[in-house]
Amino acid sequence: MSPIRTRTLAALALALTGTAGLAACGGGGTSDSASPGAAAYVNGKTFTMDGSSDPGALDPQGSVDSTLFGMTQYAYDKLVAVADDGKILPQLAASWTVGDTTLTFTLKDGVTCSDGTAFTAKTVVDNITYVEAPANKSPFLGVFIPAGATASASGSTVTVKLAAPAPFALNSFANLPMVCDAGMKDRATLKAGTSGTGPYVLTEAVPSDHYTYELRKGYTWGPGGATTAEQGMPAKVTVKIVANETTAGNELLAGTVNAVTIAGPDAGRLAAAGLASVGTQTVVGEQWYNHASGHLTSDKAVRMALTQALDLKQLQVALTSGKGAAATQLAVLEPTGCVGDAVTGHVPSFDAAAAGAALDAAGWAKGSDGVRAKGGKRLSVSLIYGNTLGSGGSAAAELALAAWKAVGIDAKVTQLNPTQVSAALFSTGDWDIAWVPLNVSTPDQLIPFLSGTTAPKGTNFAAIENADYLTLATKAMSAKGADGCADWFAAEQALYKAADVVPFANNVIPTFLKGAKLSIVGSIVPTSIRMLG
């Protein structure tokens, strides 16, 4: 894998839950309130939503932070889009073909950028070339666009040649936002501005406070032919930065915002208030171990004991406040590339006695204070998790620490904000155990995080080296789409067998609405927003 550094996976989205924009090509659905007729839609209104963290620099190809990914959708388009049923829809491209190692995209006529200039096939080539260049350190490389791809233009047609078969390549391009020529020439302008073909253009950016977008007239190339002339589309979109979910919920109930995404217990009171919502299936509980040299978790015996000491069912209940379900696979954002259950029966089961026996066998003996030690070194580990997991994260962490203490493991826990989580994972390496849910829709998007170059130079932040996983993932990559799912699941199970990563909780994260309706496919679909009278 190319050495690509990423700012934060707040989804792709590390700690995806609790954000207003859900990263990666996955879905949720449409608001479940009664669908009004067009006459009930009102023009000229502002759609306001709360985001849980500031997106930082706004370059759409510079980060996969989930708040930024959601905001990107307003100002930037992709070549194709994905419907909530998994169907590929035209967006900038009117048509396409897919071969084993070649894709072609023929662009729609008349697509223009927010500055009025034409969007061309050469612009597409420039975007792909930029992301593919390792020096640019785009986290999209190898995740949302296959590494080693090259592109060329002829008229309005773009030809992409892949270095190797990529089973979900078309879905990958449904995640790559296209930057217009002005932004490509001067990337610095993208830090606090936009240069795209999308239905909105950024007009105001106040970091850590709010971002405002205004509707573009004459936009006709949205997903499936969507336009900005639709009745009820908001004239403006404002994203407010509100970190506290209780505050965000109060604002929604008061009618000062139209949408909030709630991961914690505040969801109960919003649901009880009868508010409409759109749910997004995500992994919320995913335990990673640091395999890097110098960390006790680089020892499989320690990882196995840490896993077996936990009652994952109870951990899931605590983390999701009793609302979630057991994990089923690593890539769960709908529409998923693979459907099934790769987890049940393959993750080490809860057995505190076996955990203790394994540590005894590995030479970790309990001291007078109950903490194990070997060679004069105490069995002490650190757990980090994001504050986006809400109060459920705190409850689950307390449960985990008690379980580890019972088998003689001394654990310290630290709650961090998304920026701090990113720094720990990709810069300092100051962690042993991390709860960081990585959410994607196709299993190939996970390869750079489960293998290859380690942090800080690469995205393999846990420094995992699992030969069985790589062998099976490589085999799965040679199949077309879902044909390789059996091998993808077997590859995941190789990780579970080694206690490399432990998924333990899924949940449907609701985005609550008031005065508006919309659809979510990975993130809010801008052209689906309708303001209600």
Protein backbone atom coordinates (compact mmCIF):
# COMPACT_ATOMS: atom_id res chain seq x y z
CA MET A 1 0.00 0.00 0.00
CA SER A 2 1.15 3.54 -0.72
CA PRO A 3 2.22 5.48 2.38
CA ILE A 4 -0.75 7.74 2.86
CA ARG A 5 -1.37 9.66 6.04
CA THR A 6 -4.90 10.45 7.09
CA ARG A 7 -6.12 13.21 9.36
CA THR A 8 -9.02 11.45 10.98
CA LEU A 9 -11.32 8.59 10.30
CA ALA A 10 -14.29 9.95 11.86
CA ALA A 11 -15.92 7.18 9.34
CA LEU A 12 -14.68 6.08 7.04
CA ALA A 13 -15.07 7.83 9.76
CA LEU A 14 -13.33 6.85 12.85
CA ALA A 15 -15.77 7.62 15.62
CA LEU A 16 -18.40 8.11 13.00
CA THR A 17 -21.27 8.11 15.45
CA GLY A 18 -22.52 11.43 16.64
CA THR A 19 -21.58 13.32 13.49
CA ALA A 20 -23.88 15.17 11.20
CA GLY A 21 -22.33 13.78 8.08
CA LEU A 22 -21.69 10.08 7.76
CA ALA A 23 -18.64 9.23 5.83
CA ALA A 24 -18.26 6.58 3.16
CA CYS A 25 -20.61 5.25 0.58
CA GLY A 26 -23.30 3.84 2.77
CA GLY A 27 -26.90 4.48 3.44
CA GLY A 28 -29.70 5.15 5.77
CA GLY A 29 -32.94 5.90 3.99
CA THR A 30 -35.58 8.58 3.86
CA SER A 31 -37.25 10.40 6.71
CA ASP A 32 -40.13 8.31 7.94
CA SER A 33 -42.67 11.07 8.41
CA ALA A 34 -45.65 11.10 6.10
CA SER A 35 -44.49 12.32 2.71
CA PRO A 36 -46.28 15.57 1.89
CA GLY A 37 -47.18 16.61 -1.60
CA ALA A 38 -45.16 19.23 -3.43
CA ALA A 39 -47.67 21.86 -2.33
CA ALA A 40 -46.44 21.39 1.27
CA TYR A 41 -42.86 22.20 0.29
CA VAL A 42 -41.70 25.78 0.77
CA ASN A 43 -39.05 27.64 -1.21
CA GLY A 44 -36.64 30.23 0.10
CA LYS A 45 -35.98 28.71 3.54
CA THR A 46 -32.69 27.91 5.27
CA PHE A 47 -31.95 24.33 6.29
CA THR A 48 -29.88 24.32 9.49
CA MET A 49 -28.20 21.27 10.95
CA ASP A 50 -25.84 20.64 13.85
CA GLY A 51 -22.45 19.00 13.34
CA SER A 52 -20.58 17.56 16.32
CA SER A 53 -17.07 18.75 15.41
CA ASP A 54 -15.39 21.35 13.25
CA PRO A 55 -14.24 19.93 9.89
CA GLY A 56 -10.95 21.82 9.83
CA ALA A 57 -9.55 22.62 6.39
CA LEU A 58 -12.30 22.14 3.79
CA ASP A 59 -10.24 20.58 0.98
CA PRO A 60 -12.63 17.75 -0.01
CA GLN A 61 -9.78 15.39 -0.94
CA GLY A 62 -7.65 16.14 2.09
CA SER A 63 -9.57 14.39 4.85
CA VAL A 64 -12.30 11.82 5.42
CA ASP A 65 -13.46 13.43 8.63
CA SER A 66 -17.15 12.63 8.69
CA THR A 67 -18.32 16.21 9.30
CA LEU A 68 -16.26 17.40 6.33
CA PHE A 69 -17.39 14.48 4.18
CA GLY A 70 -21.01 15.42 4.83
CA MET A 71 -20.39 19.10 4.10
CA THR A 72 -18.49 18.24 0.92
CA GLN A 73 -21.65 16.85 -0.64
CA TYR A 74 -23.22 20.32 -0.86
CA ALA A 75 -20.52 21.87 -3.04
CA TYR A 76 -18.98 18.92 -4.88
CA ASP A 77 -20.25 16.13 -7.11
CA LYS A 78 -18.92 12.69 -7.96
CA LEU A 79 -18.84 10.88 -11.29
CA VAL A 80 -21.61 8.55 -10.13
CA ALA A 81 -23.83 8.23 -7.08
CA VAL A 82 -25.30 5.29 -5.18
CA ALA A 83 -28.99 5.01 -4.39
CA ASP A 84 -30.14 3.61 -1.04
CA ASP A 85 -30.94 0.31 -2.78
CA GLY A 86 -27.37 0.03 -4.11
CA LYS A 87 -28.16 1.06 -7.68
CA ILE A 88 -25.49 3.18 -9.35
CA LEU A 89 -26.91 6.51 -10.57
CA PRO A 90 -25.50 8.98 -13.09
CA GLN A 91 -24.16 12.23 -11.67
CA LEU A 92 -21.34 14.02 -13.51
CA ALA A 93 -21.12 10.99 -15.79
CA ALA A 94 -24.05 10.21 -18.06
CA SER A 95 -22.83 6.67 -18.75
CA TRP A 96 -20.02 4.30 -17.91
CA THR A 97 -18.55 0.90 -18.60
CA VAL A 98 -16.73 -1.42 -16.22
CA GLY A 99 -14.18 -4.04 -17.21
CA ASP A 100 -11.77 -6.14 -15.20
CA THR A 101 -9.14 -3.40 -15.00
CA THR A 102 -10.68 -0.57 -17.06
CA LEU A 103 -13.52 1.87 -16.40
CA THR A 104 -14.81 4.55 -18.75
CA PHE A 105 -16.99 7.53 -17.87
CA THR A 106 -18.71 9.75 -20.42
CA LEU A 107 -19.55 13.13 -18.91
CA LYS A 108 -22.86 14.92 -19.18
CA ASP A 109 -23.06 17.97 -21.41
CA GLY A 110 -23.28 21.42 -19.89
CA VAL A 111 -21.85 20.76 -16.43
CA THR A 112 -20.41 23.95 -14.97
CA CYS A 113 -18.43 24.87 -11.87
CA SER A 114 -19.56 27.39 -9.30
CA ASP A 115 -17.37 30.04 -11.00
CA GLY A 116 -19.16 29.47 -14.32
CA THR A 117 -16.35 27.56 -16.04
CA ALA A 118 -16.92 24.25 -17.80
CA PHE A 119 -16.20 20.96 -16.06
CA THR A 120 -14.30 18.72 -18.49
CA ALA A 121 -12.91 15.22 -18.84
CA LYS A 122 -9.43 16.65 -18.36
CA THR A 123 -10.55 18.02 -14.98
CA VAL A 124 -11.54 14.49 -13.99
CA VAL A 125 -8.12 13.20 -15.03
CA ASP A 126 -6.44 15.94 -12.99
CA ASN A 127 -8.47 14.96 -9.91
CA ILE A 128 -7.57 11.28 -10.21
CA THR A 129 -3.91 12.12 -10.83
CA TYR A 130 -3.84 14.36 -7.75
CA VAL A 131 -5.30 11.73 -5.43
CA GLU A 132 -3.03 9.03 -6.86
CA ALA A 133 0.14 11.03 -6.14
CA PRO A 134 1.52 9.83 -2.75
CA ALA A 135 3.13 13.23 -2.16
CA ASN A 136 -0.34 14.78 -1.84
CA LYS A 137 -1.19 12.46 1.08
CA SER A 138 -4.86 12.17 0.19
CA PRO A 139 -6.64 9.66 2.45
CA PHE A 140 -8.86 8.75 -0.51
CA LEU A 141 -6.01 6.82 -2.14
CA GLY A 142 -6.42 3.09 -1.66
CA VAL A 143 -9.69 3.60 0.19
CA PHE A 144 -12.08 5.42 -2.13
CA ILE A 145 -9.96 5.12 -5.27
CA PRO A 146 -7.78 2.10 -6.14
CA ALA A 147 -4.06 2.73 -5.71
CA GLY A 148 -2.10 2.67 -8.96
CA ALA A 149 -4.97 3.84 -11.17
CA THR A 150 -4.18 6.10 -14.13
CA ALA A 151 -6.60 8.18 -16.20
CA SER A 152 -6.74 9.74 -19.65
CA ALA A 153 -9.28 11.92 -21.45
CA SER A 154 -10.61 11.90 -24.99
CA GLY A 155 -13.36 14.39 -25.72
CA SER A 156 -15.95 13.96 -22.97
CA THR A 157 -14.82 10.42 -22.08
CA VAL A 158 -12.47 9.49 -19.26
CA THR A 159 -10.69 6.12 -19.28
CA VAL A 160 -9.40 4.81 -15.97
CA LYS A 161 -6.92 1.93 -15.98
CA LEU A 162 -6.48 0.01 -12.74
CA ALA A 163 -3.24 -1.57 -11.60
CA ALA A 164 -5.20 -4.69 -10.59
CA PRO A 165 -8.82 -5.85 -10.48
CA ALA A 166 -10.91 -3.95 -7.95
CA PRO A 167 -14.27 -5.61 -7.26
CA PHE A 168 -16.09 -2.47 -6.09
CA ALA A 169 -14.26 0.13 -8.21
CA LEU A 170 -17.43 1.83 -9.46
CA ASN A 171 -18.67 2.23 -5.89
CA SER A 172 -15.30 3.75 -5.03
CA PHE A 173 -15.71 6.51 -7.59
CA ALA A 174 -19.11 7.26 -6.06
CA ASN A 175 -17.13 8.57 -3.08
CA LEU A 176 -14.53 10.74 -4.85
CA PRO A 177 -15.53 14.44 -4.89
CA MET A 178 -14.43 16.27 -8.02
CA VAL A 179 -12.67 19.63 -7.65
CA CYS A 180 -12.91 22.22 -10.44
CA ASP A 181 -9.92 23.67 -12.28
CA ALA A 182 -9.63 26.78 -10.13
CA GLY A 183 -9.35 24.72 -6.97
CA MET A 184 -6.96 22.25 -8.57
CA LYS A 185 -4.64 25.11 -9.54
CA ASP A 186 -4.68 26.71 -6.10
CA ARG A 187 -5.43 24.16 -3.37
CA ALA A 188 -4.99 26.83 -0.71
CA THR A 189 -8.33 28.33 -1.76
CA LEU A 190 -10.04 25.09 -0.71
CA LYS A 191 -9.12 25.46 2.96
CA ALA A 192 -11.95 27.90 3.61
CA GLY A 193 -13.77 27.94 0.28
CA THR A 194 -15.26 25.65 -2.35
CA SER A 195 -14.58 25.04 -6.04
CA GLY A 196 -17.00 22.41 -7.27
CA THR A 197 -19.93 21.59 -9.50
CA GLY A 198 -22.33 20.85 -6.63
CA PRO A 199 -25.82 22.25 -5.99
CA TYR A 200 -24.53 24.70 -3.35
CA VAL A 201 -21.55 27.03 -2.94
CA LEU A 202 -19.95 28.02 0.35
CA THR A 203 -20.52 31.70 1.16
CA GLU A 204 -19.49 31.91 4.82
CA ALA A 205 -17.03 29.94 6.95
CA VAL A 206 -16.62 30.66 10.67
CA PRO A 207 -14.51 27.81 12.08
CA SER A 208 -15.88 26.11 15.20
CA ASP A 209 -19.13 28.04 14.77
CA HIS A 210 -20.92 27.68 11.45
CA TYR A 211 -20.65 27.24 7.66
CA THR A 212 -23.25 28.55 5.19
CA TYR A 213 -23.94 27.42 1.63
CA GLU A 214 -26.20 29.06 -0.97
CA LEU A 215 -28.21 27.31 -3.68
CA ARG A 216 -26.95 27.42 -7.26
CA LYS A 217 -29.36 28.18 -10.07
CA GLY A 218 -29.26 26.13 -13.26
CA TYR A 219 -27.93 22.96 -11.62
CA THR A 220 -29.38 19.96 -13.51
CA TRP A 221 -26.82 17.14 -13.11
CA GLY A 222 -27.53 15.78 -9.64
CA PRO A 223 -27.88 12.08 -8.77
CA GLY A 224 -30.31 10.50 -11.19
CA GLY A 225 -30.99 13.87 -12.87
CA ALA A 226 -31.84 15.88 -9.74
CA THR A 227 -31.94 19.68 -10.16
CA THR A 228 -32.01 22.74 -7.91
CA ALA A 229 -35.31 23.84 -9.44
CA GLU A 230 -37.25 21.37 -7.29
CA GLN A 231 -39.98 22.81 -5.07
CA GLY A 232 -38.90 23.01 -1.44
CA MET A 233 -35.13 22.88 -1.82
CA PRO A 234 -33.58 25.22 0.76
CA ALA A 235 -32.13 28.50 -0.49
CA LYS A 236 -29.37 28.16 2.10
CA VAL A 237 -27.81 25.39 4.16
CA THR A 238 -26.10 26.19 7.46
CA VAL A 239 -24.00 23.68 9.38
CA LYS A 240 -23.58 24.72 13.03
CA ILE A 241 -20.86 23.18 15.18
CA VAL A 242 -22.47 21.92 18.39
CA ALA A 243 -20.47 19.27 20.23
CA ASN A 244 -22.97 18.52 23.00
CA GLU A 245 -25.78 16.17 21.93
CA THR A 246 -28.14 17.39 24.64
CA THR A 247 -27.70 20.96 23.41
CA ALA A 248 -28.23 19.84 19.82
CA GLY A 249 -31.40 17.99 20.80
CA ASN A 250 -32.72 21.03 22.64
CA GLU A 251 -32.12 23.20 19.59
CA LEU A 252 -34.06 20.79 17.41
CA LEU A 253 -36.98 20.66 19.83
CA ALA A 254 -36.98 24.46 19.97
CA GLY A 255 -37.07 24.63 16.18
CA THR A 256 -33.84 26.59 15.77
CA VAL A 257 -32.30 23.78 13.69
CA ASN A 258 -33.80 21.26 11.30
CA ALA A 259 -31.56 18.22 11.74
CA VAL A 260 -29.32 16.62 14.37
CA THR A 261 -27.63 13.23 14.51
CA ILE A 262 -27.80 11.67 17.97
CA ALA A 263 -25.75 8.65 19.05
CA GLY A 264 -26.47 8.75 22.78
CA PRO A 265 -29.48 8.55 25.10
CA ASP A 266 -30.89 11.91 23.95
CA ALA A 267 -32.25 9.98 20.98
CA GLY A 268 -34.93 8.57 23.29
CA ARG A 269 -36.46 11.90 24.19
CA LEU A 270 -36.41 13.11 20.57
CA ALA A 271 -38.14 9.94 19.43
CA ALA A 272 -40.68 10.33 22.25
CA ALA A 273 -41.39 13.84 21.00
CA GLY A 274 -42.62 12.29 17.75
CA LEU A 275 -39.90 13.72 15.53
CA ALA A 276 -39.23 12.10 12.18
CA SER A 277 -35.84 10.48 11.72
CA VAL A 278 -33.59 8.74 9.23
CA GLY A 279 -31.51 5.84 10.55
CA THR A 280 -28.04 4.79 9.42
CA GLN A 281 -26.71 1.32 10.27
CA THR A 282 -23.15 1.57 11.59
CA VAL A 283 -20.52 -0.26 13.56
CA VAL A 284 -20.26 1.64 16.85
CA GLY A 285 -18.23 -0.84 18.92
CA GLU A 286 -14.92 -1.94 17.43
CA GLN A 287 -11.88 -2.76 19.56
CA TRP A 288 -8.43 -2.33 18.03
CA TYR A 289 -5.10 -3.38 19.53
CA ASN A 290 -1.79 -1.65 18.92
CA HIS A 291 0.58 -4.25 17.45
CA ALA A 292 3.57 -1.90 17.26
CA SER A 293 6.80 -2.87 18.97
CA GLY A 294 6.94 -1.80 22.61
CA HIS A 295 3.23 -2.31 23.25
CA LEU A 296 2.10 -5.25 25.37
CA THR A 297 -0.81 -5.68 22.94
CA SER A 298 1.68 -6.76 20.27
CA ASP A 299 1.58 -10.12 22.09
CA LYS A 300 -1.26 -12.31 20.80
CA ALA A 301 -1.64 -13.93 24.25
CA VAL A 302 -2.30 -10.53 25.80
CA ARG A 303 -4.74 -9.56 23.04
CA MET A 304 -6.59 -12.83 23.41
CA ALA A 305 -6.84 -12.43 27.19
CA LEU A 306 -8.08 -8.85 26.84
CA THR A 307 -10.74 -10.11 24.44
CA GLN A 308 -11.84 -13.19 26.38
CA ALA A 309 -12.11 -11.19 29.59
CA LEU A 310 -14.93 -9.12 28.09
CA ASP A 311 -18.58 -10.07 27.91
CA LEU A 312 -19.07 -8.48 24.49
CA LYS A 313 -22.85 -8.74 24.72
CA GLN A 314 -22.90 -6.68 27.91
CA LEU A 315 -20.39 -4.27 26.41
CA GLN A 316 -22.69 -3.81 23.42
CA VAL A 317 -25.67 -3.13 25.69
CA ALA A 318 -23.71 -0.55 27.68
CA LEU A 319 -22.30 1.20 24.63
CA THR A 320 -25.63 1.50 22.83
CA SER A 321 -27.79 2.10 25.93
CA GLY A 322 -29.57 -1.15 25.13
CA LYS A 323 -30.60 -0.01 21.63
CA GLY A 324 -28.00 -1.76 19.49
CA ALA A 325 -27.25 -5.22 18.22
CA ALA A 326 -24.30 -7.58 17.89
CA ALA A 327 -21.74 -6.83 15.19
CA THR A 328 -22.06 -8.82 11.97
CA GLN A 329 -19.17 -7.73 9.73
CA LEU A 330 -16.65 -4.93 9.30
CA ALA A 331 -18.35 -3.16 6.37
CA VAL A 332 -21.97 -2.45 7.32
CA LEU A 333 -22.92 0.90 5.80
CA GLU A 334 -25.85 0.29 3.49
CA PRO A 335 -25.98 -0.56 0.69
CA THR A 336 -23.28 -3.03 1.68
CA GLY A 337 -21.03 -4.83 -0.78
CA CYS A 338 -21.43 -8.08 1.15
CA VAL A 339 -24.44 -9.24 3.15
CA GLY A 340 -24.14 -11.74 5.98
CA ASP A 341 -22.63 -12.45 9.36
CA ALA A 342 -18.87 -12.96 9.52
CA VAL A 343 -18.60 -12.34 13.26
CA THR A 344 -20.83 -14.77 15.16
CA GLY A 345 -18.87 -17.80 16.32
CA HIS A 346 -15.55 -16.41 15.14
CA VAL A 347 -14.67 -13.71 17.67
CA PRO A 348 -13.12 -15.21 20.85
CA SER A 349 -15.96 -15.81 23.29
CA PHE A 350 -16.26 -14.51 26.85
CA ASP A 351 -14.32 -16.79 29.21
CA ALA A 352 -12.63 -15.01 32.13
CA ALA A 353 -11.14 -18.25 33.43
CA ALA A 354 -9.54 -18.97 30.04
CA ALA A 355 -8.22 -15.41 29.89
CA GLY A 356 -6.55 -15.84 33.27
CA ALA A 357 -5.16 -19.25 32.36
CA ALA A 358 -3.69 -17.88 29.12
CA LEU A 359 -1.94 -15.12 31.02
CA ASP A 360 -0.63 -17.64 33.56
CA ALA A 361 0.74 -19.75 30.72
CA ALA A 362 2.38 -16.69 29.18
CA GLY A 363 4.19 -15.96 32.45
CA TRP A 364 2.03 -13.10 33.70
CA ALA A 365 1.69 -13.79 37.44
CA LYS A 366 -0.63 -11.92 39.78
CA GLY A 367 1.04 -9.73 42.39
CA SER A 368 -0.17 -8.87 45.86
CA ASP A 369 -2.19 -5.97 44.46
CA GLY A 370 -3.94 -8.28 41.99
CA VAL A 371 -2.13 -6.88 38.95
CA ARG A 372 -0.12 -9.30 36.86
CA ALA A 373 3.54 -8.79 36.07
CA LYS A 374 6.31 -10.54 34.15
CA GLY A 375 10.02 -9.85 34.40
CA GLY A 376 9.32 -6.94 36.68
CA LYS A 377 6.93 -5.29 34.19
CA ARG A 378 3.29 -4.77 35.18
CA LEU A 379 0.51 -5.75 32.81
CA SER A 380 -0.73 -2.19 32.33
CA VAL A 381 -2.51 -1.01 29.17
CA SER A 382 -4.23 2.16 27.97
CA LEU A 383 -7.67 2.42 26.36
CA ILE A 384 -8.72 5.45 24.32
CA TYR A 385 -12.10 6.20 22.83
CA GLY A 386 -13.78 9.17 21.20
CA ASN A 387 -16.22 11.49 22.92
CA THR A 388 -18.48 10.94 19.92
CA LEU A 389 -19.48 7.63 21.53
CA GLY A 390 -21.42 9.68 24.07
CA SER A 391 -22.36 8.58 27.56
CA GLY A 392 -22.59 4.98 26.34
CA GLY A 393 -18.85 5.08 25.68
CA SER A 394 -18.19 6.03 29.30
CA ALA A 395 -20.47 3.27 30.59
CA ALA A 396 -18.85 0.64 28.37
CA ALA A 397 -15.34 1.78 29.31
CA GLU A 398 -16.18 1.42 33.01
CA LEU A 399 -17.46 -2.10 32.34
CA ALA A 400 -14.34 -3.07 30.37
CA LEU A 401 -11.95 -1.75 33.00
CA ALA A 402 -13.70 -3.77 35.71
CA ALA A 403 -13.56 -6.95 33.58
CA TRP A 404 -9.85 -6.52 32.89
CA LYS A 405 -9.10 -5.81 36.53
CA ALA A 406 -10.83 -9.06 37.48
CA VAL A 407 -8.26 -11.05 35.47
CA GLY A 408 -5.28 -9.01 36.69
CA ILE A 409 -4.92 -6.41 33.94
CA ASP A 410 -4.39 -2.79 34.96
CA ALA A 411 -6.07 -0.53 32.41
CA LYS A 412 -6.28 3.23 32.18
CA VAL A 413 -8.93 4.91 30.05
CA THR A 414 -8.91 8.30 28.33
CA GLN A 415 -11.76 9.94 26.46
CA LEU A 416 -10.57 12.08 23.54
CA ASN A 417 -12.09 14.41 20.97
CA PRO A 418 -11.78 13.43 17.26
CA THR A 419 -8.64 15.50 16.72
CA GLN A 420 -6.95 13.89 19.73
CA VAL A 421 -7.99 10.41 18.59
CA SER A 422 -6.46 11.08 15.19
CA ALA A 423 -3.21 12.32 16.74
CA ALA A 424 -2.95 9.25 18.96
CA LEU A 425 -3.61 6.81 16.13
CA PHE A 426 -1.67 8.40 13.30
CA SER A 427 1.03 10.48 14.98
CA THR A 428 2.02 9.65 18.55
CA GLY A 429 0.99 5.98 18.73
CA ASP A 430 0.23 6.59 22.40
CA TRP A 431 -2.40 3.89 22.92
CA ASP A 432 -2.74 0.14 23.46
CA ILE A 433 -6.47 -0.39 22.94
CA ALA A 434 -8.73 1.89 20.94
CA TRP A 435 -12.45 1.96 20.36
CA VAL A 436 -12.62 3.50 16.90
CA PRO A 437 -15.46 2.30 14.67
CA LEU A 438 -14.34 2.30 11.05
CA ASN A 439 -17.41 2.50 8.85
CA VAL A 440 -17.41 1.64 5.16
CA SER A 441 -19.75 -0.13 2.78
CA THR A 442 -17.36 -2.43 0.91
CA PRO A 443 -14.62 -4.59 2.47
CA ASP A 444 -11.90 -3.56 0.03
CA GLN A 445 -11.97 -0.05 1.52
CA LEU A 446 -10.56 -1.49 4.75
CA ILE A 447 -7.37 -3.01 3.33
CA PRO A 448 -5.17 0.09 3.90
CA PHE A 449 -6.20 0.12 7.57
CA LEU A 450 -5.63 -3.59 8.14
CA SER A 451 -2.33 -4.06 6.33
CA GLY A 452 0.57 -2.27 4.70
CA THR A 453 2.51 0.80 5.78
CA THR A 454 2.07 1.67 9.42
CA ALA A 455 1.42 5.04 11.01
CA PRO A 456 2.68 7.73 10.99
CA LYS A 457 3.62 7.16 7.33
CA GLY A 458 0.61 5.00 6.46
CA THR A 459 -2.99 4.29 7.43
CA ASN A 460 -2.33 0.93 9.13
CA PHE A 461 -2.62 2.66 12.51
CA ALA A 462 -2.73 -0.62 14.50
CA ALA A 463 0.39 -1.99 12.75
CA ILE A 464 -1.45 -5.23 11.92
CA GLU A 465 0.50 -7.93 10.07
CA ASN A 466 -1.79 -10.84 9.34
CA ALA A 467 -0.64 -13.01 6.43
CA ASP A 468 -3.87 -15.03 6.33
CA TYR A 469 -5.93 -11.85 6.05
CA LEU A 470 -3.79 -10.59 3.17
CA THR A 471 -3.92 -13.90 1.30
CA LEU A 472 -7.70 -14.12 1.52
CA ALA A 473 -8.25 -10.43 0.78
CA THR A 474 -6.03 -10.70 -2.29
CA LYS A 475 -8.08 -13.66 -3.48
CA ALA A 476 -11.32 -11.74 -2.86
CA MET A 477 -10.00 -8.76 -4.85
CA SER A 478 -9.78 -10.93 -7.96
CA ALA A 479 -13.52 -11.67 -7.87
CA LYS A 480 -16.24 -9.40 -9.21
CA GLY A 481 -18.25 -7.60 -6.57
CA ALA A 482 -20.25 -9.86 -4.28
CA ASP A 483 -18.74 -12.98 -5.87
CA GLY A 484 -15.82 -12.58 -3.49
CA CYS A 485 -17.84 -12.15 -0.30
CA ALA A 486 -17.07 -15.62 1.08
CA ASP A 487 -13.37 -14.82 0.84
CA TRP A 488 -13.88 -11.36 2.32
CA PHE A 489 -15.63 -12.91 5.32
CA ALA A 490 -12.89 -15.52 5.68
CA ALA A 491 -10.32 -12.71 5.60
CA GLU A 492 -12.16 -10.91 8.42
CA GLN A 493 -12.28 -14.11 10.45
CA ALA A 494 -8.50 -14.44 10.20
CA LEU A 495 -8.32 -11.10 12.00
CA TYR A 496 -10.73 -12.24 14.70
CA LYS A 497 -8.84 -15.49 15.22
CA ALA A 498 -5.67 -13.52 15.98
CA ALA A 499 -7.59 -10.99 18.11
CA ASP A 500 -6.31 -8.25 15.80
CA VAL A 501 -9.59 -6.35 15.80
CA VAL A 502 -12.84 -7.13 17.64
CA PRO A 503 -16.17 -5.72 16.39
CA PHE A 504 -18.80 -6.00 19.11
CA ALA A 505 -21.68 -3.59 18.52
CA ASN A 506 -23.82 -2.24 15.69
CA ASN A 507 -26.43 0.45 16.04
CA VAL A 508 -28.81 2.45 13.90
CA ILE A 509 -27.81 6.08 14.40
CA PRO A 510 -30.79 8.39 13.88
CA THR A 511 -30.77 11.82 12.29
CA PHE A 512 -33.82 13.60 13.73
CA LEU A 513 -35.67 16.18 11.66
CA LYS A 514 -38.01 19.10 12.20
CA GLY A 515 -39.46 21.24 9.43
CA ALA A 516 -37.69 19.26 6.72
CA LYS A 517 -37.41 15.86 5.10
CA LEU A 518 -34.45 14.25 3.36
CA SER A 519 -32.63 11.08 2.41
CA ILE A 520 -29.31 9.76 3.67
CA VAL A 521 -27.01 7.60 1.61
CA GLY A 522 -23.78 7.65 3.59
CA SER A 523 -24.43 11.33 4.26
CA ILE A 524 -27.34 13.66 3.65
CA VAL A 525 -28.15 13.86 -0.07
CA PRO A 526 -28.38 17.65 -0.66
CA THR A 527 -30.81 17.40 -3.57
CA SER A 528 -33.19 15.35 -1.40
CA ILE A 529 -33.75 18.07 1.21
CA ARG A 530 -37.24 19.55 1.21
CA MET A 531 -38.35 22.32 3.55
CA LEU A 532 -41.84 21.90 4.94
CA GLY A 533 -44.47 24.60 5.37
